């Protein structure tokens, strides 16, 4: 497995652990629909939280959350809609980003709630 794939898996695990520690229930990880993947689907109270995890080993080129494109947002919304419909959920949906900066000397997690709006 390529190093960036391993780093991504580590970041997703750190994000899932962080969310669990904050009281979120992890409903699904790596949910695929069409061409979209949702890294983590969590829930807290009656809010379904769609989480995009961005992991980098350096912030030299910018913050990890800055690399989410409009196209990626559209795909996340499409996949989230499918998840809600296929699971017959009656919940509010929120889109969050968790930024993970992980290298030999640093491990930093930032949680951006309502990181973007889907309309």
N, C-alpha and C. Protein backbone atom coordinates (compact mmCIF):
# COMPACT_ATOMS: atom_id res chain seq x y z
N UNK A 1 0.85 -1.17 0.00
CA UNK A 1 0.00 0.00 0.00
C UNK A 1 0.90 1.24 0.00
N UNK A 2 0.55 2.21 -0.80
CA UNK A 2 1.33 3.44 -0.89
C UNK A 2 1.29 4.19 0.44
N UNK A 3 2.35 4.95 0.70
CA UNK A 3 2.47 5.67 1.96
C UNK A 3 1.28 6.60 2.20
N UNK A 4 0.84 7.30 1.13
CA UNK A 4 -0.29 8.23 1.31
C UNK A 4 -1.57 7.50 1.68
N UNK A 5 -1.75 6.27 1.17
CA UNK A 5 -2.92 5.49 1.53
C UNK A 5 -2.87 5.07 3.00
N UNK A 6 -1.67 4.68 3.46
CA UNK A 6 -1.50 4.30 4.86
C UNK A 6 -1.76 5.50 5.76
N UNK A 7 -1.24 6.65 5.38
CA UNK A 7 -1.44 7.87 6.16
C UNK A 7 -2.93 8.22 6.22
N UNK A 8 -3.62 8.06 5.11
CA UNK A 8 -5.06 8.32 5.08
C UNK A 8 -5.82 7.41 6.01
N UNK A 9 -5.48 6.14 6.04
CA UNK A 9 -6.14 5.18 6.95
C UNK A 9 -5.87 5.54 8.41
N UNK A 10 -4.62 5.92 8.69
CA UNK A 10 -4.27 6.34 10.05
C UNK A 10 -5.09 7.57 10.44
N UNK A 11 -5.18 8.54 9.54
CA UNK A 11 -5.96 9.75 9.80
C UNK A 11 -7.41 9.46 10.04
N UNK A 12 -8.00 8.57 9.25
CA UNK A 12 -9.40 8.21 9.43
C UNK A 12 -9.63 7.53 10.78
N UNK A 13 -8.69 6.69 11.19
CA UNK A 13 -8.83 6.02 12.49
C UNK A 13 -8.72 7.04 13.63
N UNK A 14 -7.76 7.96 13.51
CA UNK A 14 -7.63 9.01 14.53
C UNK A 14 -8.89 9.86 14.60
N UNK A 15 -9.47 10.18 13.45
CA UNK A 15 -10.70 10.97 13.40
C UNK A 15 -11.87 10.21 14.03
N UNK A 16 -11.99 8.93 13.72
CA UNK A 16 -13.07 8.12 14.29
C UNK A 16 -12.92 8.02 15.82
N UNK A 17 -11.69 7.82 16.27
CA UNK A 17 -11.44 7.76 17.71
C UNK A 17 -11.79 9.09 18.38
N UNK A 18 -11.39 10.17 17.75
CA UNK A 18 -11.69 11.51 18.27
C UNK A 18 -13.20 11.72 18.39
N UNK A 19 -13.94 11.38 17.32
CA UNK A 19 -15.39 11.56 17.35
C UNK A 19 -16.03 10.72 18.46
N UNK A 20 -15.60 9.49 18.59
CA UNK A 20 -16.13 8.62 19.65
C UNK A 20 -15.88 9.23 21.03
N UNK A 21 -14.68 9.76 21.23
CA UNK A 21 -14.34 10.40 22.51
C UNK A 21 -15.22 11.63 22.77
N UNK A 22 -15.69 12.27 21.70
CA UNK A 22 -16.53 13.45 21.84
C UNK A 22 -18.02 13.11 21.96
N UNK A 23 -18.35 11.82 22.00
CA UNK A 23 -19.74 11.41 22.20
C UNK A 23 -20.51 11.06 20.93
N UNK A 24 -19.84 11.05 19.79
CA UNK A 24 -20.49 10.69 18.53
C UNK A 24 -20.54 9.18 18.40
N UNK A 25 -21.63 8.67 17.84
CA UNK A 25 -21.73 7.25 17.50
C UNK A 25 -21.31 7.10 16.04
N UNK A 26 -20.37 6.22 15.78
CA UNK A 26 -19.92 5.98 14.41
C UNK A 26 -20.91 5.00 13.78
N UNK A 27 -21.61 5.45 12.75
CA UNK A 27 -22.61 4.61 12.06
C UNK A 27 -22.01 3.84 10.90
N UNK A 28 -21.05 4.46 10.22
CA UNK A 28 -20.47 3.82 9.04
C UNK A 28 -19.13 4.46 8.72
N UNK A 29 -18.26 3.68 8.12
CA UNK A 29 -16.98 4.20 7.64
C UNK A 29 -16.80 3.76 6.20
N UNK A 30 -16.25 4.65 5.40
CA UNK A 30 -15.98 4.38 3.98
C UNK A 30 -17.23 3.92 3.25
N UNK A 31 -18.28 4.72 3.36
CA UNK A 31 -19.54 4.45 2.67
C UNK A 31 -19.41 4.91 1.22
N UNK A 32 -19.66 3.98 0.30
CA UNK A 32 -19.55 4.29 -1.12
C UNK A 32 -20.93 4.35 -1.76
N UNK A 33 -21.10 5.33 -2.62
CA UNK A 33 -22.29 5.41 -3.46
C UNK A 33 -21.88 6.06 -4.77
N UNK A 34 -22.16 5.38 -5.85
CA UNK A 34 -21.80 5.87 -7.17
C UNK A 34 -20.28 6.15 -7.18
N UNK A 35 -19.87 7.36 -7.44
CA UNK A 35 -18.44 7.69 -7.45
C UNK A 35 -17.99 8.38 -6.17
N UNK A 36 -18.86 8.38 -5.18
CA UNK A 36 -18.59 9.12 -3.95
C UNK A 36 -18.22 8.18 -2.81
N UNK A 37 -17.37 8.69 -1.94
CA UNK A 37 -17.05 7.98 -0.70
C UNK A 37 -17.17 8.96 0.46
N UNK A 38 -17.89 8.53 1.49
CA UNK A 38 -17.95 9.28 2.73
C UNK A 38 -17.01 8.57 3.70
N UNK A 39 -16.04 9.32 4.23
CA UNK A 39 -15.06 8.71 5.12
C UNK A 39 -15.70 8.19 6.40
N UNK A 40 -16.47 9.04 7.06
CA UNK A 40 -17.12 8.65 8.31
C UNK A 40 -18.54 9.22 8.34
N UNK A 41 -19.48 8.37 8.74
CA UNK A 41 -20.84 8.83 9.01
C UNK A 41 -21.04 8.60 10.51
N UNK A 42 -21.28 9.70 11.21
CA UNK A 42 -21.45 9.63 12.66
C UNK A 42 -22.78 10.26 13.02
N UNK A 43 -23.19 10.04 14.26
CA UNK A 43 -24.43 10.66 14.73
C UNK A 43 -24.26 11.12 16.15
N UNK A 44 -24.80 12.29 16.41
CA UNK A 44 -24.88 12.80 17.77
C UNK A 44 -26.28 13.40 17.90
N UNK A 45 -27.00 12.94 18.90
CA UNK A 45 -28.39 13.31 19.07
C UNK A 45 -29.14 12.99 17.77
N UNK A 46 -29.89 13.95 17.24
CA UNK A 46 -30.65 13.70 16.00
C UNK A 46 -29.94 14.33 14.79
N UNK A 47 -28.62 14.42 14.87
CA UNK A 47 -27.85 15.00 13.77
C UNK A 47 -26.95 13.93 13.17
N UNK A 48 -27.14 13.69 11.89
CA UNK A 48 -26.27 12.80 11.14
C UNK A 48 -25.12 13.65 10.61
N UNK A 49 -23.91 13.25 10.94
CA UNK A 49 -22.74 14.05 10.60
C UNK A 49 -21.94 13.31 9.53
N UNK A 50 -21.83 13.95 8.38
CA UNK A 50 -21.05 13.43 7.26
C UNK A 50 -19.66 14.04 7.39
N UNK A 51 -18.65 13.20 7.57
CA UNK A 51 -17.31 13.69 7.88
C UNK A 51 -16.33 13.35 6.76
N UNK A 52 -15.72 14.39 6.23
CA UNK A 52 -14.62 14.24 5.28
C UNK A 52 -13.33 14.40 6.09
N UNK A 53 -12.47 13.41 6.02
CA UNK A 53 -11.21 13.45 6.75
C UNK A 53 -10.09 13.78 5.76
N UNK A 54 -9.33 14.78 6.09
CA UNK A 54 -8.17 15.18 5.27
C UNK A 54 -6.92 15.04 6.12
N UNK A 55 -6.03 14.18 5.70
CA UNK A 55 -4.81 13.90 6.45
C UNK A 55 -3.60 14.29 5.63
N UNK A 56 -2.68 14.96 6.26
CA UNK A 56 -1.43 15.36 5.63
C UNK A 56 -0.30 15.16 6.65
N UNK A 57 0.91 15.03 6.14
CA UNK A 57 2.05 14.94 7.05
C UNK A 57 2.74 16.29 7.21
N UNK A 58 2.27 17.30 6.46
CA UNK A 58 2.83 18.64 6.55
C UNK A 58 1.77 19.63 6.11
N UNK A 59 1.82 20.82 6.68
CA UNK A 59 0.91 21.86 6.22
C UNK A 59 1.62 22.85 5.30
N UNK A 60 2.74 22.42 4.75
CA UNK A 60 3.56 23.27 3.88
C UNK A 60 2.75 23.81 2.69
N UNK A 61 1.92 22.95 2.10
CA UNK A 61 1.15 23.35 0.92
C UNK A 61 -0.23 23.89 1.27
N UNK A 62 -0.52 24.05 2.55
CA UNK A 62 -1.81 24.56 2.98
C UNK A 62 -2.48 23.60 3.95
N UNK A 63 -3.55 24.06 4.53
CA UNK A 63 -4.28 23.24 5.47
C UNK A 63 -5.02 22.12 4.73
N UNK A 64 -5.08 20.93 5.33
CA UNK A 64 -5.73 19.80 4.65
C UNK A 64 -7.16 20.09 4.18
N UNK A 65 -7.93 20.83 4.99
CA UNK A 65 -9.32 21.08 4.64
C UNK A 65 -9.46 21.98 3.41
N UNK A 66 -8.38 22.66 3.03
CA UNK A 66 -8.43 23.53 1.85
C UNK A 66 -8.46 22.75 0.54
N UNK A 67 -8.28 21.44 0.61
CA UNK A 67 -8.20 20.62 -0.60
C UNK A 67 -9.52 19.95 -0.96
N UNK A 68 -10.62 20.40 -0.37
CA UNK A 68 -11.94 19.85 -0.70
C UNK A 68 -12.55 20.70 -1.81
N UNK A 69 -12.77 20.08 -2.94
CA UNK A 69 -13.27 20.80 -4.11
C UNK A 69 -14.79 20.86 -4.13
N UNK A 70 -15.31 21.73 -4.97
CA UNK A 70 -16.77 21.80 -5.15
C UNK A 70 -17.31 20.48 -5.68
N UNK A 71 -16.55 19.84 -6.55
CA UNK A 71 -16.95 18.54 -7.08
C UNK A 71 -17.05 17.50 -5.98
N UNK A 72 -16.10 17.50 -5.06
CA UNK A 72 -16.11 16.57 -3.94
C UNK A 72 -17.33 16.83 -3.05
N UNK A 73 -17.64 18.09 -2.83
CA UNK A 73 -18.81 18.44 -2.02
C UNK A 73 -20.08 17.90 -2.66
N UNK A 74 -20.21 18.07 -3.98
CA UNK A 74 -21.39 17.56 -4.69
C UNK A 74 -21.52 16.05 -4.51
N UNK A 75 -20.39 15.34 -4.61
CA UNK A 75 -20.42 13.88 -4.44
C UNK A 75 -20.79 13.49 -3.01
N UNK A 76 -20.27 14.22 -2.04
CA UNK A 76 -20.60 13.93 -0.65
C UNK A 76 -22.10 14.12 -0.39
N UNK A 77 -22.65 15.18 -0.94
CA UNK A 77 -24.08 15.45 -0.76
C UNK A 77 -24.91 14.33 -1.40
N UNK A 78 -24.51 13.91 -2.58
CA UNK A 78 -25.23 12.83 -3.28
C UNK A 78 -25.19 11.53 -2.46
N UNK A 79 -24.02 11.19 -1.94
CA UNK A 79 -23.88 9.97 -1.14
C UNK A 79 -24.63 10.08 0.18
N UNK A 80 -24.58 11.25 0.80
CA UNK A 80 -25.30 11.45 2.06
C UNK A 80 -26.81 11.30 1.85
N UNK A 81 -27.30 11.86 0.77
CA UNK A 81 -28.72 11.75 0.44
C UNK A 81 -29.11 10.28 0.29
N UNK A 82 -28.29 9.51 -0.41
CA UNK A 82 -28.57 8.08 -0.59
C UNK A 82 -28.56 7.36 0.75
N UNK A 83 -27.62 7.67 1.60
CA UNK A 83 -27.54 7.02 2.91
C UNK A 83 -28.80 7.29 3.73
N UNK A 84 -29.23 8.54 3.75
CA UNK A 84 -30.43 8.92 4.52
C UNK A 84 -31.66 8.20 3.97
N UNK A 85 -31.81 8.20 2.65
CA UNK A 85 -32.98 7.56 2.03
C UNK A 85 -32.96 6.04 2.22
N UNK A 86 -31.82 5.43 1.95
CA UNK A 86 -31.76 3.96 2.02
C UNK A 86 -31.89 3.44 3.46
N UNK A 87 -31.59 4.28 4.44
CA UNK A 87 -31.73 3.88 5.84
C UNK A 87 -32.99 4.46 6.49
N UNK A 88 -33.82 5.12 5.65
CA UNK A 88 -35.09 5.68 6.10
C UNK A 88 -34.93 6.50 7.38
N UNK A 89 -33.99 7.44 7.33
CA UNK A 89 -33.69 8.26 8.50
C UNK A 89 -34.45 9.59 8.46
N UNK A 90 -34.83 10.05 9.62
CA UNK A 90 -35.44 11.36 9.78
C UNK A 90 -34.53 12.15 10.70
N UNK A 91 -33.49 12.72 10.12
CA UNK A 91 -32.46 13.41 10.89
C UNK A 91 -32.03 14.69 10.18
N UNK A 92 -31.43 15.58 10.94
CA UNK A 92 -30.76 16.73 10.36
C UNK A 92 -29.40 16.24 9.88
N UNK A 93 -28.91 16.79 8.77
CA UNK A 93 -27.61 16.37 8.23
C UNK A 93 -26.65 17.56 8.29
N UNK A 94 -25.45 17.27 8.77
CA UNK A 94 -24.41 18.29 8.86
C UNK A 94 -23.15 17.75 8.20
N UNK A 95 -22.42 18.63 7.53
CA UNK A 95 -21.18 18.25 6.85
C UNK A 95 -19.99 18.85 7.59
N UNK A 96 -19.14 17.97 8.12
CA UNK A 96 -17.97 18.40 8.87
C UNK A 96 -16.70 17.97 8.15
N UNK A 97 -15.61 18.62 8.50
CA UNK A 97 -14.29 18.23 8.03
C UNK A 97 -13.42 18.02 9.26
N UNK A 98 -12.70 16.93 9.26
CA UNK A 98 -11.68 16.73 10.29
C UNK A 98 -10.34 16.74 9.58
N UNK A 99 -9.51 17.66 10.03
CA UNK A 99 -8.17 17.83 9.49
C UNK A 99 -7.19 17.14 10.44
N UNK A 100 -6.37 16.26 9.87
CA UNK A 100 -5.37 15.55 10.67
C UNK A 100 -4.00 15.87 10.11
N UNK A 101 -3.15 16.38 10.97
CA UNK A 101 -1.75 16.62 10.62
C UNK A 101 -0.94 15.62 11.42
N UNK A 102 -0.31 14.66 10.73
CA UNK A 102 0.35 13.55 11.42
C UNK A 102 1.71 13.30 10.78
N UNK A 103 2.75 13.40 11.61
CA UNK A 103 4.10 13.00 11.19
C UNK A 103 4.85 12.53 12.43
N UNK A 104 6.14 12.36 12.31
CA UNK A 104 6.92 11.82 13.44
C UNK A 104 6.90 12.70 14.68
N UNK A 105 6.74 14.00 14.49
CA UNK A 105 6.80 14.91 15.63
C UNK A 105 5.46 15.57 15.97
N UNK A 106 4.47 15.42 15.13
CA UNK A 106 3.21 16.14 15.32
C UNK A 106 2.01 15.22 15.11
N UNK A 107 1.01 15.42 15.96
CA UNK A 107 -0.29 14.78 15.75
C UNK A 107 -1.33 15.81 16.18
N UNK A 108 -1.98 16.41 15.19
CA UNK A 108 -2.92 17.50 15.45
C UNK A 108 -4.23 17.20 14.74
N UNK A 109 -5.33 17.31 15.48
CA UNK A 109 -6.65 17.08 14.91
C UNK A 109 -7.47 18.35 15.09
N UNK A 110 -8.09 18.81 14.00
CA UNK A 110 -9.00 19.95 14.06
C UNK A 110 -10.34 19.51 13.49
N UNK A 111 -11.41 19.87 14.17
CA UNK A 111 -12.76 19.51 13.76
C UNK A 111 -13.50 20.77 13.35
N UNK A 112 -13.89 20.82 12.08
CA UNK A 112 -14.62 21.96 11.55
C UNK A 112 -16.08 21.54 11.36
N UNK A 113 -16.94 22.00 12.24
CA UNK A 113 -18.37 21.67 12.14
C UNK A 113 -19.02 22.59 11.12
N UNK A 114 -20.02 22.06 10.42
CA UNK A 114 -20.70 22.83 9.37
C UNK A 114 -19.67 23.45 8.42
N UNK A 115 -18.76 22.61 7.96
CA UNK A 115 -17.64 23.09 7.14
C UNK A 115 -18.09 23.65 5.80
N UNK A 116 -19.20 23.14 5.30
CA UNK A 116 -19.76 23.67 4.06
C UNK A 116 -21.24 23.36 4.02
N UNK A 117 -21.93 24.11 3.20
CA UNK A 117 -23.37 23.90 3.04
C UNK A 117 -23.62 23.30 1.67
N UNK A 118 -24.62 22.46 1.61
CA UNK A 118 -24.87 21.70 0.39
C UNK A 118 -25.81 22.37 -0.58
N UNK A 119 -26.14 23.63 -0.37
CA UNK A 119 -27.03 24.30 -1.30
C UNK A 119 -26.54 25.69 -1.59
